[in-house]
C-alpha atoms as a PDB file:
ATOM      1  CA  UNK A   1     -29.708  92.189 -93.191  1.00  0.00           C
ATOM      2  CA  UNK A   2     -31.282  91.960 -89.799  1.00  0.00           C
ATOM      3  CA  UNK A   3     -33.118  88.857 -89.483  1.00  0.00           C
ATOM      4  CA  UNK A   4     -36.804  89.356 -89.288  1.00  0.00           C
ATOM      5  CA  UNK A   5     -37.122  88.023 -85.733  1.00  0.00           C
ATOM      6  CA  UNK A   6     -34.387  90.430 -84.212  1.00  0.00           C
ATOM      7  CA  UNK A   7     -34.981  94.025 -83.450  1.00  0.00           C
ATOM      8  CA  UNK A   8     -33.184  96.577 -85.802  1.00  0.00           C
ATOM      9  CA  UNK A   9     -30.483  98.357 -83.856  1.00  0.00           C
ATOM     10  CA  UNK A  10     -27.711 100.976 -84.243  1.00  0.00           C
ATOM     11  CA  UNK A  11     -24.258  98.930 -84.184  1.00  0.00           C
ATOM     12  CA  UNK A  12     -21.042 100.356 -83.381  1.00  0.00           C
ATOM     13  CA  UNK A  13     -18.372  97.864 -84.435  1.00  0.00           C
ATOM     14  CA  UNK A  14     -14.848  97.971 -82.869  1.00  0.00           C
ATOM     15  CA  UNK A  15     -11.448  98.242 -84.982  1.00  0.00           C
ATOM     16  CA  UNK A  16     -10.759  94.801 -84.390  1.00  0.00           C
ATOM     17  CA  UNK A  17     -12.650  91.603 -84.252  1.00  0.00           C
ATOM     18  CA  UNK A  18     -15.170  91.786 -81.051  1.00  0.00           C
ATOM     19  CA  UNK A  19     -14.534  89.726 -78.185  1.00  0.00           C
ATOM     20  CA  UNK A  20     -17.406  91.531 -76.236  1.00  0.00           C
ATOM     21  CA  UNK A  21     -20.552  93.141 -76.665  1.00  0.00           C
ATOM     22  CA  UNK A  22     -22.767  95.862 -74.710  1.00  0.00           C
ATOM     23  CA  UNK A  23     -26.498  95.592 -75.567  1.00  0.00           C
ATOM     24  CA  UNK A  24     -27.630  99.054 -74.542  1.00  0.00           C
ATOM     25  CA  UNK A  25     -31.457  99.641 -74.508  1.00  0.00           C
ATOM     26  CA  UNK A  26     -32.891 103.297 -74.819  1.00  0.00           C
ATOM     27  CA  UNK A  27     -35.774 104.933 -72.940  1.00  0.00           C
ATOM     28  CA  UNK A  28     -39.615 105.569 -73.724  1.00  0.00           C
ATOM     29  CA  UNK A  29     -39.842 107.572 -76.914  1.00  0.00           C
ATOM     30  CA  UNK A  30     -36.314 107.502 -77.738  1.00  0.00           C
ATOM     31  CA  UNK A  31     -34.511 105.138 -80.333  1.00  0.00           C
ATOM     32  CA  UNK A  32     -31.117 103.271 -80.657  1.00  0.00           C
ATOM     33  CA  UNK A  33     -29.525 106.466 -81.831  1.00  0.00           C
ATOM     34  CA  UNK A  34     -29.823 107.984 -78.365  1.00  0.00           C
ATOM     35  CA  UNK A  35     -26.753 106.511 -76.806  1.00  0.00           C
ATOM     36  CA  UNK A  36     -24.088 105.645 -79.374  1.00  0.00           C
ATOM     37  CA  UNK A  37     -22.553 109.289 -78.580  1.00  0.00           C
ATOM     38  CA  UNK A  38     -21.567 108.282 -74.925  1.00  0.00           C
ATOM     39  CA  UNK A  39     -19.362 105.504 -76.236  1.00  0.00           C
ATOM     40  CA  UNK A  40     -16.842 108.014 -77.121  1.00  0.00           C
ATOM     41  CA  UNK A  41     -17.094 109.212 -73.808  1.00  0.00           C
ATOM     42  CA  UNK A  42     -16.518 106.091 -71.708  1.00  0.00           C
ATOM     43  CA  UNK A  43     -12.649 106.201 -71.622  1.00  0.00           C
ATOM     44  CA  UNK A  44     -12.219 103.156 -73.347  1.00  0.00           C
ATOM     45  CA  UNK A  45      -8.603 102.216 -74.938  1.00  0.00           C
ATOM     46  CA  UNK A  46      -8.633 102.840 -78.662  1.00  0.00           C
ATOM     47  CA  UNK A  47      -7.875  99.091 -79.354  1.00  0.00           C
ATOM     48  CA  UNK A  48     -10.871  97.919 -77.283  1.00  0.00           C
ATOM     49  CA  UNK A  49     -12.854  94.960 -79.130  1.00  0.00           C
ATOM     50  CA  UNK A  50     -16.204  95.735 -77.821  1.00  0.00           C
ATOM     51  CA  UNK A  51     -19.416  95.902 -79.991  1.00  0.00           C
ATOM     52  CA  UNK A  52     -22.085  98.223 -78.804  1.00  0.00           C
ATOM     53  CA  UNK A  53     -25.683  97.329 -79.972  1.00  0.00           C
ATOM     54  CA  UNK A  54     -28.402  99.694 -79.462  1.00  0.00           C
ATOM     55  CA  UNK A  55     -31.588  98.349 -80.493  1.00  0.00           C
ATOM     56  CA  UNK A  56     -34.814 100.190 -81.385  1.00  0.00           C
ATOM     57  CA  UNK A  57     -37.994  99.373 -79.371  1.00  0.00           C
ATOM     58  CA  UNK A  58     -41.266  98.920 -81.407  1.00  0.00           C
ATOM     59  CA  UNK A  59     -43.570 101.528 -81.483  1.00  0.00           C
ATOM     60  CA  UNK A  60     -46.797 100.920 -79.547  1.00  0.00           C
ATOM     61  CA  UNK A  61     -49.821 102.819 -78.003  1.00  0.00           C
ATOM     62  CA  UNK A  62     -48.732 104.000 -74.521  1.00  0.00           C
ATOM     63  CA  UNK A  63     -51.584 104.275 -71.975  1.00  0.00           C
ATOM     64  CA  UNK A  64     -50.453 107.083 -69.974  1.00  0.00           C
ATOM     65  CA  UNK A  65     -49.732 109.174 -72.691  1.00  0.00           C
ATOM     66  CA  UNK A  66     -53.266 109.182 -73.992  1.00  0.00           C
ATOM     67  CA  UNK A  67     -52.558 106.052 -76.122  1.00  0.00           C
ATOM     68  CA  UNK A  68     -49.930 107.857 -78.324  1.00  0.00           C
ATOM     69  CA  UNK A  69     -48.012 105.426 -80.365  1.00  0.00           C
ATOM     70  CA  UNK A  70     -44.129 105.878 -79.637  1.00  0.00           C
ATOM     71  CA  UNK A  71     -40.952 103.665 -79.257  1.00  0.00           C
ATOM     72  CA  UNK A  72     -41.557 101.858 -76.027  1.00  0.00           C
ATOM     73  CA  UNK A  73     -40.446  98.676 -74.514  1.00  0.00           C
ATOM     74  CA  UNK A  74     -43.545  97.955 -72.899  1.00  0.00           C
ATOM     75  CA  UNK A  75     -47.060  99.931 -72.136  1.00  0.00           C
ATOM     76  CA  UNK A  76     -47.086 102.191 -68.942  1.00  0.00           C
ATOM     77  CA  UNK A  77     -50.655 101.664 -67.516  1.00  0.00           C
ATOM     78  CA  UNK A  78     -50.448 104.096 -64.774  1.00  0.00           C
ATOM     79  CA  UNK A  79     -47.759 106.206 -63.211  1.00  0.00           C
ATOM     80  CA  UNK A  80     -47.532 103.789 -60.065  1.00  0.00           C
ATOM     81  CA  UNK A  81     -45.342 101.739 -62.432  1.00  0.00           C
ATOM     82  CA  UNK A  82     -44.717  98.635 -60.149  1.00  0.00           C
ATOM     83  CA  UNK A  83     -48.292  98.217 -59.530  1.00  0.00           C
ATOM     84  CA  UNK A  84     -49.857  98.107 -62.899  1.00  0.00           C
ATOM     85  CA  UNK A  85     -47.110  96.973 -65.096  1.00  0.00           C
ATOM     86  CA  UNK A  86     -47.528  95.463 -68.806  1.00  0.00           C
ATOM     87  CA  UNK A  87     -46.133  92.371 -67.525  1.00  0.00           C
ATOM     88  CA  UNK A  88     -46.660  90.746 -70.932  1.00  0.00           C
ATOM     89  CA  UNK A  89     -44.701  93.558 -72.815  1.00  0.00           C
ATOM     90  CA  UNK A  90     -41.886  93.490 -70.141  1.00  0.00           C
ATOM     91  CA  UNK A  91     -41.715  89.443 -70.883  1.00  0.00           C
ATOM     92  CA  UNK A  92     -41.782  90.010 -74.723  1.00  0.00           C
ATOM     93  CA  UNK A  93     -39.254  92.812 -74.957  1.00  0.00           C
ATOM     94  CA  UNK A  94     -36.845  90.590 -72.481  1.00  0.00           C
ATOM     95  CA  UNK A  95     -37.368  87.532 -74.979  1.00  0.00           C
ATOM     96  CA  UNK A  96     -36.284  90.229 -77.751  1.00  0.00           C
ATOM     97  CA  UNK A  97     -33.259  90.941 -75.689  1.00  0.00           C
ATOM     98  CA  UNK A  98     -32.434  87.217 -75.172  1.00  0.00           C
ATOM     99  CA  UNK A  99     -32.469  86.842 -78.933  1.00  0.00           C
ATOM    100  CA  UNK A 100     -29.807  89.594 -79.391  1.00  0.00           C
ATOM    101  CA  UNK A 101     -27.719  88.059 -76.778  1.00  0.00           C
ATOM    102  CA  UNK A 102     -27.845  84.717 -78.570  1.00  0.00           C
ATOM    103  CA  UNK A 103     -27.058  86.532 -81.801  1.00  0.00           C
ATOM    104  CA  UNK A 104     -23.659  87.854 -80.087  1.00  0.00           C
ATOM    105  CA  UNK A 105     -23.057  84.164 -78.760  1.00  0.00           C
ATOM    106  CA  UNK A 106     -23.769  82.800 -82.516  1.00  0.00           C
ATOM    107  CA  UNK A 107     -20.896  85.566 -83.525  1.00  0.00           C
ATOM    108  CA  UNK A 108     -18.431  83.889 -80.868  1.00  0.00           C
ATOM    109  CA  UNK A 109     -19.088  86.170 -77.941  1.00  0.00           C
ATOM    110  CA  UNK A 110     -18.867  84.000 -74.798  1.00  0.00           C
ATOM    111  CA  UNK A 111     -21.885  84.829 -72.797  1.00  0.00           C
ATOM    112  CA  UNK A 112     -19.258  86.094 -69.692  1.00  0.00           C
ATOM    113  CA  UNK A 113     -18.151  88.901 -72.136  1.00  0.00           C
ATOM    114  CA  UNK A 114     -21.742  90.431 -72.560  1.00  0.00           C
ATOM    115  CA  UNK A 115     -23.152  93.411 -70.794  1.00  0.00           C
ATOM    116  CA  UNK A 116     -26.762  94.631 -70.744  1.00  0.00           C
ATOM    117  CA  UNK A 117     -27.349  98.098 -70.208  1.00  0.00           C
ATOM    118  CA  UNK A 118     -30.344 100.383 -70.444  1.00  0.00           C
ATOM    119  CA  UNK A 119     -31.781 103.555 -69.524  1.00  0.00           C
ATOM    120  CA  UNK A 120     -35.355 103.919 -67.814  1.00  0.00           C
ATOM    121  CA  UNK A 121     -37.438 101.501 -69.552  1.00  0.00           C
ATOM    122  CA  UNK A 122     -34.866 100.064 -71.426  1.00  0.00           C
ATOM    123  CA  UNK A 123     -32.941  99.254 -67.955  1.00  0.00           C
ATOM    124  CA  UNK A 124     -35.793  97.761 -66.661  1.00  0.00           C
ATOM    125  CA  UNK A 125     -35.654  95.203 -69.425  1.00  0.00           C
ATOM    126  CA  UNK A 126     -32.146  94.935 -68.858  1.00  0.00           C
ATOM    127  CA  UNK A 127     -32.523  94.006 -65.331  1.00  0.00           C
ATOM    128  CA  UNK A 128     -35.543  91.791 -65.930  1.00  0.00           C
ATOM    129  CA  UNK A 129     -33.700  89.692 -68.374  1.00  0.00           C
ATOM    130  CA  UNK A 130     -30.185  89.812 -67.171  1.00  0.00           C
ATOM    131  CA  UNK A 131     -31.224  88.451 -63.767  1.00  0.00           C
ATOM    132  CA  UNK A 132     -33.043  85.451 -65.433  1.00  0.00           C
ATOM    133  CA  UNK A 133     -30.678  84.915 -68.164  1.00  0.00           C
ATOM    134  CA  UNK A 134     -29.421  81.157 -68.128  1.00  0.00           C
ATOM    135  CA  UNK A 135     -26.021  81.867 -68.808  1.00  0.00           C
ATOM    136  CA  UNK A 136     -23.430  84.195 -66.630  1.00  0.00           C
ATOM    137  CA  UNK A 137     -23.113  87.681 -68.169  1.00  0.00           C
ATOM    138  CA  UNK A 138     -20.442  89.936 -67.537  1.00  0.00           C
ATOM    139  CA  UNK A 139     -22.794  92.769 -65.775  1.00  0.00           C
ATOM    140  CA  UNK A 140     -25.964  94.871 -65.955  1.00  0.00           C
ATOM    141  CA  UNK A 141     -26.008  98.251 -66.076  1.00  0.00           C
ATOM    142  CA  UNK A 142     -29.202  99.993 -64.866  1.00  0.00           C
ATOM    143  CA  UNK A 143     -29.566 103.812 -65.179  1.00  0.00           C
ATOM    144  CA  UNK A 144     -32.343 105.739 -63.843  1.00  0.00           C
ATOM    145  CA  UNK A 145     -34.617 102.908 -63.736  1.00  0.00           C
ATOM    146  CA  UNK A 146     -36.656 100.519 -61.495  1.00  0.00           C
ATOM    147  CA  UNK A 147     -37.866  97.025 -61.241  1.00  0.00           C
ATOM    148  CA  UNK A 148     -40.765  96.774 -63.852  1.00  0.00           C
ATOM    149  CA  UNK A 149     -43.254  94.739 -61.485  1.00  0.00           C
ATOM    150  CA  UNK A 150     -41.215  92.014 -59.676  1.00  0.00           C
ATOM    151  CA  UNK A 151     -42.389  89.187 -62.039  1.00  0.00           C
ATOM    152  CA  UNK A 152     -41.710  86.476 -59.471  1.00  0.00           C
ATOM    153  CA  UNK A 153     -38.009  87.551 -59.850  1.00  0.00           C
ATOM    154  CA  UNK A 154     -37.258  85.562 -56.486  1.00  0.00           C
ATOM    155  CA  UNK A 155     -38.513  82.511 -58.119  1.00  0.00           C
ATOM    156  CA  UNK A 156     -37.169  83.025 -61.629  1.00  0.00           C
ATOM    157  CA  UNK A 157     -33.909  84.619 -61.243  1.00  0.00           C
ATOM    158  CA  UNK A 158     -30.756  82.557 -62.505  1.00  0.00           C
ATOM    159  CA  UNK A 159     -28.419  80.866 -60.573  1.00  0.00           C
ATOM    160  CA  UNK A 160     -25.930  81.653 -63.393  1.00  0.00           C
ATOM    161  CA  UNK A 161     -26.327  85.223 -62.839  1.00  0.00           C
ATOM    162  CA  UNK A 162     -26.397  85.043 -59.047  1.00  0.00           C
ATOM    163  CA  UNK A 163     -23.300  86.974 -58.851  1.00  0.00           C
ATOM    164  CA  UNK A 164     -23.741  89.298 -61.849  1.00  0.00           C
ATOM    165  CA  UNK A 165     -21.941  92.797 -60.994  1.00  0.00           C
ATOM    166  CA  UNK A 166     -24.734  95.339 -61.344  1.00  0.00           C
ATOM    167  CA  UNK A 167     -24.086  99.128 -61.778  1.00  0.00           C
ATOM    168  CA  UNK A 168     -26.988 101.345 -60.908  1.00  0.00           C
ATOM    169  CA  UNK A 169     -27.135 105.115 -61.268  1.00  0.00           C
ATOM    170  CA  UNK A 170     -30.045 107.575 -60.736  1.00  0.00           C
ATOM    171  CA  UNK A 171     -30.743 111.056 -60.398  1.00  0.00           C
ATOM    172  CA  UNK A 172     -31.382 112.683 -57.001  1.00  0.00           C
ATOM    173  CA  UNK A 173     -33.717 115.190 -58.922  1.00  0.00           C
ATOM    174  CA  UNK A 174     -35.264 112.687 -61.258  1.00  0.00           C
ATOM    175  CA  UNK A 175     -39.101 113.759 -61.695  1.00  0.00           C
ATOM    176  CA  UNK A 176     -39.904 110.714 -64.014  1.00  0.00           C
ATOM    177  CA  UNK A 177     -38.829 107.654 -62.344  1.00  0.00           C
ATOM    178  CA  UNK A 178     -38.509 108.901 -58.826  1.00  0.00           C
ATOM    179  CA  UNK A 179     -35.330 108.268 -56.697  1.00  0.00           C
ATOM    180  CA  UNK A 180     -37.310 106.285 -54.282  1.00  0.00           C
ATOM    181  CA  UNK A 181     -37.868 103.842 -57.219  1.00  0.00           C
ATOM    182  CA  UNK A 182     -34.454 103.521 -58.057  1.00  0.00           C
ATOM    183  CA  UNK A 183     -33.496 102.783 -54.092  1.00  0.00           C
ATOM    184  CA  UNK A 184     -36.234 100.445 -53.930  1.00  0.00           C
ATOM    185  CA  UNK A 185     -34.846  98.319 -56.679  1.00  0.00           C
ATOM    186  CA  UNK A 186     -31.554  98.328 -55.080  1.00  0.00           C
ATOM    187  CA  UNK A 187     -32.702  97.378 -52.010  1.00  0.00           C
ATOM    188  CA  UNK A 188     -34.553  94.488 -53.637  1.00  0.00           C
ATOM    189  CA  UNK A 189     -31.584  93.301 -55.348  1.00  0.00           C
ATOM    190  CA  UNK A 190     -29.445  93.323 -52.206  1.00  0.00           C
ATOM    191  CA  UNK A 191     -31.976  91.530 -50.254  1.00  0.00           C
ATOM    192  CA  UNK A 192     -31.552  88.817 -52.787  1.00  0.00           C
ATOM    193  CA  UNK A 193     -28.073  88.866 -52.582  1.00  0.00           C
ATOM    194  CA  UNK A 194     -26.629  90.988 -55.718  1.00  0.00           C
ATOM    195  CA  UNK A 195     -23.860  93.194 -55.278  1.00  0.00           C
ATOM    196  CA  UNK A 196     -24.987  96.615 -56.658  1.00  0.00           C
ATOM    197  CA  UNK A 197     -22.586  99.581 -57.464  1.00  0.00           C
ATOM    198  CA  UNK A 198     -25.062 102.306 -56.451  1.00  0.00           C
ATOM    199  CA  UNK A 199     -24.453 105.949 -57.646  1.00  0.00           C
ATOM    200  CA  UNK A 200     -26.511 108.875 -57.567  1.00  0.00           C
ATOM    201  CA  UNK A 201     -26.062 112.286 -58.952  1.00  0.00           C
ATOM    202  CA  UNK A 202     -27.567 115.589 -58.526  1.00  0.00           C
ATOM    203  CA  UNK A 203     -29.678 115.697 -61.927  1.00  0.00           C
ATOM    204  CA  UNK A 204     -33.052 114.856 -63.342  1.00  0.00           C
ATOM    205  CA  UNK A 205     -33.834 111.973 -65.802  1.00  0.00           C
ATOM    206  CA  UNK A 206     -30.714 111.984 -67.866  1.00  0.00           C
ATOM    207  CA  UNK A 207     -26.968 111.204 -67.769  1.00  0.00           C
ATOM    208  CA  UNK A 208     -24.250 113.337 -66.456  1.00  0.00           C
ATOM    209  CA  UNK A 209     -20.551 113.695 -67.166  1.00  0.00           C
ATOM    210  CA  UNK A 210     -19.796 112.368 -63.845  1.00  0.00           C
ATOM    211  CA  UNK A 211     -21.903 109.343 -64.576  1.00  0.00           C
ATOM    212  CA  UNK A 212     -20.472 108.616 -67.708  1.00  0.00           C
ATOM    213  CA  UNK A 213     -17.037 108.618 -66.035  1.00  0.00           C
ATOM    214  CA  UNK A 214     -18.281 105.962 -63.677  1.00  0.00           C
ATOM    215  CA  UNK A 215     -19.668 104.072 -66.398  1.00  0.00           C
ATOM    216  CA  UNK A 216     -16.710 103.814 -68.240  1.00  0.00           C
ATOM    217  CA  UNK A 217     -14.608 102.871 -65.339  1.00  0.00           C
ATOM    218  CA  UNK A 218     -17.074 100.062 -64.433  1.00  0.00           C
ATOM    219  CA  UNK A 219     -17.154  98.580 -67.938  1.00  0.00           C
ATOM    220  CA  UNK A 220     -13.359  98.568 -68.151  1.00  0.00           C
ATOM    221  CA  UNK A 221     -13.227  96.885 -64.740  1.00  0.00           C
ATOM    222  CA  UNK A 222     -15.624  94.022 -65.809  1.00  0.00           C
ATOM    223  CA  UNK A 223     -14.126  93.497 -68.917  1.00  0.00           C
ATOM    224  CA  UNK A 224     -10.671  93.916 -68.132  1.00  0.00           C
ATOM    225  CA  UNK A 225      -9.685  96.991 -70.057  1.00  0.00           C
ATOM    226  CA  UNK A 226      -7.102  99.509 -69.106  1.00  0.00           C
ATOM    227  CA  UNK A 227      -8.094 103.233 -69.398  1.00  0.00           C
ATOM    228  CA  UNK A 228      -7.721 105.323 -72.536  1.00  0.00           C
END
């Protein structure tokens, strides 16, 4: 049973005891069932020992959608995401992600074998927590996303993750999170010294076959796995 302070999640356990974990956050209005089907397409070896955790965001009113209650990692106050960010909501969800990381640590997974991943809003939370996390992580996978308010990143970022690998991908035709927002996040990270593996694809606010192949290659590389 999930402890009451932890988010409920879809969990895919490997066929043998896990020695790594990927915590993967969905986008606005979706849930933890959104990305599990992608795992089988990542080209991981059959004997991999990665636990995939797909948490469900809580349902909250979202201002830009007329206050409609839906799964969201934080409120969106206006479409100029970076200027009117729900910083309290961002920090709350980042803390919940930190709790999930700690659960993996308590299960015996070294922090260096934990990957944070997320799409859109979920990617913003993965970046927020991953760059600030006090223990070194294996990597951050940021898909069709942006920096949701800088939130004092330069002052708050963790030296433990100064060299964390970042995979960032974006659609060149994305009408929801404009390509310029993804590029601005990339530039900000590179200006702070992070090594970003940047990919862009001729798609909208989604993932593509080519992108999934690239994600799989990146994951296999940072976790030291062979191709399936």
